[in-house]
Amino acid sequence: MDVFDKSAGDSDWGIRQVREAVRALPSDSAAQLYAGLAVAQRDAFSQKFARKGRGGAQATWDRVTPLKREAAARINNAQRLEGNAKHPRPLVRAKLMPTHPFGCKRPLLSNDYFAAFNRPNLELVTEGIEQITPDSVVTADGARRRIDTLIFATGFETTKYLSAIDVTGRGGLRLADAWRKDGAAAYLGITTAGFPNLFMLYGPNTNNGSLLTMIEYQVEHSLQLLRRILDEDLAWIDVRKQAMQRYNEDVDAAMLQVKAWQAGCNGYYRSPSGRIVTQWPGSMSEYRERTAKPDERAFEVARR
């Protein structure tokens, strides 16, 4: 994960940082900053540009693309390093210093993460674990640390969609088998070829911006397809393989433009094949436009 510290007064820091950043960029690039700012900083940003007649927060957010986020990432990176300077011990500072660009891993905000490593009862260990014994953890450097409790905080498998249930499509094809080689893939993250009447929420490549808003777009898209099934008395509707393939080629091409996601930092975005299957590389307004009205040519149907 990426962490930057914002404990030195959110509002003051936000206003100052926005002012300095806006002065450093061309006026038509101001939206580049918005995506990377904390909530209080976004409020300051929105108020500043509302006074100039440039619209509110949502209008600004809609203009932000992943390529433009690089400017915001540089600002966040500078603030994160400022928080890192709170550590008086050089070795700890060196261990906490990321070697990847901001955004390569999931960004998290914390007021006390960096400062916690100054506590005398907390040790930051970055060496690999060689062995776990009944009462200790042995790292690769041979050090043995006695423990009372071991907590596994390994997260969850973000790239395995619908893994908790067994889904079978046309011709007896199992969804797990269809996605085994290249990872999960879908059309607009909602439908996947060969599995008629399957509508997914928060499916492949739909992680971006406000998750709740993205799901609302997906619900509306799915409802339109369901209405078509009822209106035309269809047995099923299924996205065409060619349409899904073209869509995912577009997504993959856009993904390459987000440099932070190409930095190879062992993040959670990629399936074992190497393809990014979690992230949406466009703006939320682009996704809204793509899902607003289903393209009938992208689907095949069977009547009752």
Protein backbone atom coordinates (compact mmCIF):
# COMPACT_ATOMS: atom_id res chain seq x y z
CA MET A 1 0.00 0.00 0.00
CA ASP A 2 0.97 3.65 -0.41
CA VAL A 3 0.55 5.88 2.66
CA PHE A 4 0.98 9.61 3.02
CA ASP A 5 0.62 11.54 6.24
CA LYS A 6 -1.77 14.49 6.42
CA SER A 7 -1.73 15.15 10.15
CA ALA A 8 -0.43 18.72 9.94
CA GLY A 9 -3.87 20.26 9.48
CA ASP A 10 -5.88 19.05 6.50
CA SER A 11 -7.54 22.32 5.57
CA ASP A 12 -4.48 24.53 5.88
CA TRP A 13 -2.29 22.08 4.07
CA GLY A 14 -4.91 21.54 1.38
CA ILE A 15 -5.40 25.22 0.64
CA ARG A 16 -1.67 25.90 0.57
CA GLN A 17 -0.92 22.87 -1.59
CA VAL A 18 -3.70 23.62 -4.04
CA ARG A 19 -2.59 27.22 -4.37
CA GLU A 20 1.02 26.26 -5.04
CA ALA A 21 0.09 23.48 -7.44
CA VAL A 22 -2.34 25.61 -9.43
CA ARG A 23 0.26 28.31 -9.85
CA ALA A 24 2.72 25.73 -11.16
CA LEU A 25 0.41 24.34 -13.83
CA PRO A 26 -1.27 25.80 -16.91
CA SER A 27 -4.84 26.92 -16.19
CA ASP A 28 -6.32 24.22 -18.40
CA SER A 29 -4.48 21.54 -16.39
CA ALA A 30 -6.00 22.38 -13.03
CA ALA A 31 -8.21 19.28 -13.04
CA GLN A 32 -5.07 17.16 -13.00
CA LEU A 33 -4.69 17.82 -9.30
CA TYR A 34 -8.11 16.85 -8.08
CA ALA A 35 -8.01 13.05 -8.03
CA GLY A 36 -5.04 12.80 -5.71
CA LEU A 37 -6.21 15.12 -2.95
CA ALA A 38 -7.69 14.13 0.39
CA VAL A 39 -11.33 14.96 1.18
CA ALA A 40 -10.61 18.22 2.99
CA GLN A 41 -8.21 19.21 0.23
CA ARG A 42 -10.85 18.45 -2.42
CA ASP A 43 -13.26 20.76 -0.62
CA ALA A 44 -10.70 23.56 -0.71
CA PHE A 45 -10.00 22.80 -4.37
CA SER A 46 -13.69 22.84 -5.30
CA GLN A 47 -14.37 26.07 -3.43
CA LYS A 48 -11.42 27.75 -5.14
CA PHE A 49 -12.60 26.85 -8.62
CA ALA A 50 -16.28 27.37 -7.90
CA ARG A 51 -15.43 31.01 -7.24
CA LYS A 52 -13.88 31.14 -10.70
CA GLY A 53 -16.97 29.66 -12.31
CA ARG A 54 -15.38 26.33 -13.13
CA GLY A 55 -18.06 24.20 -11.48
CA GLY A 56 -18.09 22.03 -8.37
CA ALA A 57 -16.37 18.86 -7.30
CA GLN A 58 -18.24 16.40 -9.53
CA ALA A 59 -17.71 18.47 -12.65
CA THR A 60 -14.01 18.65 -11.88
CA TRP A 61 -13.80 14.94 -11.08
CA ASP A 62 -15.42 14.09 -14.42
CA ARG A 63 -12.59 15.83 -16.27
CA VAL A 64 -9.90 13.82 -14.55
CA THR A 65 -8.29 10.94 -16.45
CA PRO A 66 -5.67 8.50 -15.18
CA LEU A 67 -3.03 10.15 -17.34
CA LYS A 68 -3.70 13.50 -15.68
CA ARG A 69 -3.42 11.97 -12.21
CA GLU A 70 0.34 11.93 -12.51
CA ALA A 71 0.43 15.59 -11.44
CA ALA A 72 -1.62 14.79 -8.35
CA ALA A 73 0.58 11.78 -7.63
CA ARG A 74 3.66 13.99 -7.53
CA ILE A 75 2.00 16.23 -4.96
CA ASN A 76 0.97 13.26 -2.82
CA ASN A 77 4.43 11.78 -3.07
CA ALA A 78 5.99 15.00 -1.79
CA GLN A 79 3.62 15.07 1.20
CA ARG A 80 4.28 11.40 1.93
CA LEU A 81 8.02 12.04 2.03
CA GLU A 82 7.41 15.00 4.31
CA GLY A 83 5.64 12.63 6.71
CA ASN A 84 8.47 10.15 6.36
CA ALA A 85 10.91 12.78 7.59
CA LYS A 86 9.28 12.53 11.01
CA HIS A 87 11.39 9.47 11.74
CA PRO A 88 14.68 10.28 13.46
CA ARG A 89 16.19 6.86 12.72
CA PRO A 90 17.79 6.68 9.25
CA LEU A 91 17.37 2.88 8.92
CA VAL A 92 13.66 3.09 9.63
CA ARG A 93 13.29 5.96 7.18
CA ALA A 94 15.08 3.93 4.51
CA LYS A 95 12.79 0.93 5.04
CA LEU A 96 9.68 3.10 4.84
CA MET A 97 10.78 4.84 1.65
CA PRO A 98 8.88 3.35 -1.32
CA THR A 99 10.79 2.30 -4.42
CA HIS A 100 7.72 2.54 -6.66
CA PRO A 101 5.68 5.54 -7.86
CA PHE A 102 2.61 6.66 -5.97
CA GLY A 103 -0.50 4.79 -7.11
CA CYS A 104 1.33 1.61 -8.04
CA LYS A 105 -0.23 0.15 -4.91
CA ARG A 106 -3.54 1.11 -3.33
CA PRO A 107 -3.24 4.57 -1.73
CA LEU A 108 -4.28 4.87 1.91
CA LEU A 109 -4.46 7.96 4.10
CA SER A 110 -3.26 7.86 7.71
CA ASN A 111 -2.47 10.42 10.38
CA ASP A 112 -0.46 8.07 12.57
CA TYR A 113 1.09 5.36 10.40
CA PHE A 114 4.58 6.87 10.10
CA ALA A 115 4.70 8.14 13.68
CA ALA A 116 3.85 4.68 15.01
CA PHE A 117 7.28 3.39 14.02
CA ASN A 118 8.86 5.67 16.61
CA ARG A 119 7.25 3.68 19.42
CA PRO A 120 9.76 1.65 21.47
CA ASN A 121 7.57 -1.46 21.42
CA LEU A 122 7.20 -1.56 17.62
CA GLU A 123 9.80 -2.87 15.17
CA LEU A 124 9.62 -2.66 11.39
CA VAL A 125 10.93 -5.92 9.91
CA THR A 126 11.34 -6.10 6.14
CA GLU A 127 13.45 -9.26 5.87
CA GLY A 128 11.67 -12.29 4.44
CA ILE A 129 10.28 -14.95 6.77
CA GLU A 130 12.32 -18.13 6.68
CA GLN A 131 10.44 -20.17 9.27
CA ILE A 132 7.56 -20.02 11.75
CA THR A 133 8.01 -22.06 14.92
CA PRO A 134 5.51 -22.62 17.77
CA ASP A 135 6.84 -19.61 19.66
CA SER A 136 8.81 -17.47 17.21
CA VAL A 137 9.30 -16.09 13.72
CA VAL A 138 12.68 -16.66 12.06
CA THR A 139 13.63 -14.25 9.29
CA ALA A 140 16.04 -14.80 6.40
CA ASP A 141 18.87 -13.05 8.24
CA GLY A 142 18.72 -15.70 10.99
CA ALA A 143 17.09 -13.48 13.60
CA ARG A 144 14.55 -15.19 15.85
CA ARG A 145 11.76 -13.09 17.36
CA ARG A 146 9.66 -14.65 20.10
CA ILE A 147 5.91 -14.14 19.75
CA ASP A 148 2.73 -14.64 21.74
CA THR A 149 0.33 -14.14 18.85
CA LEU A 150 0.74 -14.26 15.07
CA ILE A 151 -1.78 -12.34 12.97
CA PHE A 152 -2.12 -13.20 9.29
CA ALA A 153 -3.03 -9.95 7.50
CA THR A 154 -2.70 -11.28 3.98
CA GLY A 155 -5.78 -9.62 2.53
CA PHE A 156 -7.99 -11.32 -0.03
CA GLU A 157 -7.84 -12.51 -3.63
CA THR A 158 -8.96 -9.46 -5.56
CA THR A 159 -8.55 -10.96 -9.03
CA LYS A 160 -10.77 -14.02 -8.51
CA TYR A 161 -14.25 -12.87 -9.41
CA LEU A 162 -17.28 -15.06 -8.62
CA SER A 163 -14.94 -17.63 -7.10
CA ALA A 164 -17.32 -18.44 -4.23
CA ILE A 165 -19.94 -20.01 -6.52
CA ASP A 166 -19.74 -22.35 -9.51
CA VAL A 167 -21.15 -20.69 -12.64
CA THR A 168 -21.79 -22.81 -15.76
CA GLY A 169 -22.58 -21.29 -19.15
CA ARG A 170 -23.41 -22.41 -22.67
CA GLY A 171 -22.07 -25.80 -23.70
CA GLY A 172 -21.29 -26.65 -20.08
CA LEU A 173 -18.38 -24.18 -19.92
CA ARG A 174 -17.45 -23.28 -16.35
CA LEU A 175 -16.68 -19.63 -15.69
CA ALA A 176 -13.57 -20.58 -13.73
CA ASP A 177 -12.27 -22.43 -16.81
CA ALA A 178 -13.14 -19.56 -19.17
CA TRP A 179 -11.09 -17.18 -17.02
CA ARG A 180 -8.31 -19.58 -16.11
CA LYS A 181 -5.75 -18.57 -18.77
CA ASP A 182 -5.87 -14.77 -18.92
CA GLY A 183 -7.87 -13.91 -15.84
CA ALA A 184 -11.34 -12.44 -15.43
CA ALA A 185 -12.68 -10.50 -18.42
CA ALA A 186 -16.06 -9.00 -19.19
CA TYR A 187 -17.84 -6.48 -21.37
CA LEU A 188 -18.17 -3.24 -19.38
CA GLY A 189 -17.42 -5.40 -16.34
CA ILE A 190 -21.03 -6.61 -16.43
CA THR A 191 -21.50 -9.43 -18.96
CA THR A 192 -19.09 -12.08 -20.19
CA ALA A 193 -19.35 -14.06 -23.44
CA GLY A 194 -20.73 -17.58 -23.17
CA PHE A 195 -22.71 -16.94 -20.01
CA PRO A 196 -26.18 -15.69 -20.96
CA ASN A 197 -28.34 -13.82 -18.45
CA LEU A 198 -25.34 -13.33 -16.16
CA PHE A 199 -25.08 -9.74 -14.96
CA MET A 200 -22.27 -8.77 -12.61
CA LEU A 201 -21.84 -5.79 -10.27
CA TYR A 202 -18.31 -4.66 -9.48
CA GLY A 203 -17.01 -7.09 -12.07
CA PRO A 204 -13.65 -7.13 -13.88
CA ASN A 205 -12.03 -3.74 -14.60
CA THR A 206 -14.58 -1.60 -12.77
CA ASN A 207 -12.52 -0.38 -9.80
CA ASN A 208 -12.23 3.40 -9.95
CA GLY A 209 -13.52 6.57 -8.32
CA SER A 210 -16.71 6.05 -6.31
CA LEU A 211 -17.51 2.34 -6.18
CA LEU A 212 -21.14 3.03 -5.28
CA THR A 213 -21.57 5.29 -8.29
CA MET A 214 -19.98 2.72 -10.59
CA ILE A 215 -22.38 0.07 -9.28
CA GLU A 216 -25.34 2.36 -9.91
CA TYR A 217 -24.30 2.63 -13.57
CA GLN A 218 -23.99 -1.16 -13.74
CA VAL A 219 -27.41 -1.69 -12.17
CA GLU A 220 -29.08 0.62 -14.69
CA HIS A 221 -27.29 -1.10 -17.59
CA SER A 222 -28.36 -4.53 -16.33
CA LEU A 223 -31.95 -3.41 -15.84
CA GLN A 224 -32.12 -2.22 -19.43
CA LEU A 225 -30.99 -5.65 -20.62
CA LEU A 226 -33.54 -7.35 -18.36
CA ARG A 227 -36.28 -5.08 -19.72
CA ARG A 228 -35.30 -6.13 -23.22
CA ILE A 229 -35.62 -9.80 -22.23
CA LEU A 230 -39.16 -9.13 -20.96
CA ASP A 231 -40.27 -6.83 -23.79
CA GLU A 232 -39.04 -9.17 -26.54
CA ASP A 233 -39.90 -12.38 -24.69
CA LEU A 234 -36.32 -13.64 -24.94
CA ALA A 235 -34.98 -16.84 -23.44
CA TRP A 236 -31.57 -15.30 -22.95
CA ILE A 237 -29.19 -12.51 -23.94
CA ASP A 238 -25.40 -12.87 -24.18
CA VAL A 239 -22.60 -10.48 -25.14
CA ARG A 240 -20.81 -11.44 -28.35
CA LYS A 241 -17.27 -12.67 -27.94
CA GLN A 242 -15.94 -10.24 -30.55
CA ALA A 243 -17.54 -7.26 -28.82
CA MET A 244 -16.08 -8.27 -25.47
CA GLN A 245 -12.67 -8.81 -27.02
CA ARG A 246 -12.62 -5.38 -28.71
CA TYR A 247 -13.72 -3.70 -25.49
CA ASN A 248 -10.98 -5.34 -23.44
CA GLU A 249 -8.36 -4.46 -26.06
CA ASP A 250 -9.38 -0.82 -25.61
CA VAL A 251 -9.17 -1.17 -21.83
CA ASP A 252 -5.72 -2.77 -22.00
CA ALA A 253 -4.44 -0.05 -24.33
CA ALA A 254 -5.69 2.68 -21.98
CA MET A 255 -4.14 0.83 -19.04
CA LEU A 256 -0.69 1.20 -20.58
CA GLN A 257 -1.02 4.98 -20.36
CA VAL A 258 -1.24 4.83 -16.55
CA LYS A 259 2.47 4.67 -15.80
CA ALA A 260 2.08 3.98 -12.08
CA TRP A 261 0.23 0.74 -12.86
CA GLN A 262 3.10 -0.43 -15.06
CA ALA A 263 5.79 -0.07 -12.40
CA GLY A 264 5.74 -3.71 -11.28
CA CYS A 265 5.34 -3.23 -7.52
CA ASN A 266 3.54 -6.47 -6.73
CA GLY A 267 0.18 -4.77 -6.31
CA TYR A 268 -3.20 -6.47 -6.30
CA TYR A 269 -4.32 -5.32 -9.75
CA ARG A 270 -2.93 -8.16 -11.90
CA SER A 271 -4.06 -11.74 -12.44
CA PRO A 272 -1.40 -14.49 -12.63
CA SER A 273 -1.34 -13.96 -16.42
CA GLY A 274 -0.05 -10.41 -15.86
CA ARG A 275 -3.18 -8.67 -17.12
CA ILE A 276 -4.69 -5.94 -14.93
CA VAL A 277 -8.21 -7.20 -14.21
CA THR A 278 -9.34 -4.95 -11.35
CA GLN A 279 -8.90 -1.33 -12.49
CA TRP A 280 -10.92 0.88 -14.82
CA PRO A 281 -8.46 3.20 -16.64
CA GLY A 282 -10.94 5.84 -17.75
CA SER A 283 -12.99 8.49 -16.00
CA MET A 284 -16.30 7.82 -14.28
CA SER A 285 -18.11 9.98 -16.82
CA GLU A 286 -16.69 7.85 -19.65
CA TYR A 287 -17.91 4.70 -17.94
CA ARG A 288 -21.33 6.29 -17.44
CA GLU A 289 -21.54 7.11 -21.14
CA ARG A 290 -20.49 3.61 -22.17
CA THR A 291 -23.07 1.91 -19.96
CA ALA A 292 -25.96 4.38 -20.36
CA LYS A 293 -27.50 2.71 -23.41
CA PRO A 294 -26.67 -0.93 -24.26
CA ASP A 295 -25.45 -1.43 -27.82
CA GLU A 296 -27.82 -4.02 -29.28
CA ARG A 297 -25.18 -5.01 -31.84
CA ALA A 298 -22.90 -6.20 -29.05
CA PHE A 299 -25.38 -8.90 -27.95
CA GLU A 300 -26.87 -12.06 -29.35
CA VAL A 301 -30.24 -13.34 -28.20
CA ALA A 302 -32.43 -16.44 -28.31
CA ARG A 303 -36.19 -16.28 -28.38
CA ARG A 304 -38.46 -18.57 -26.43
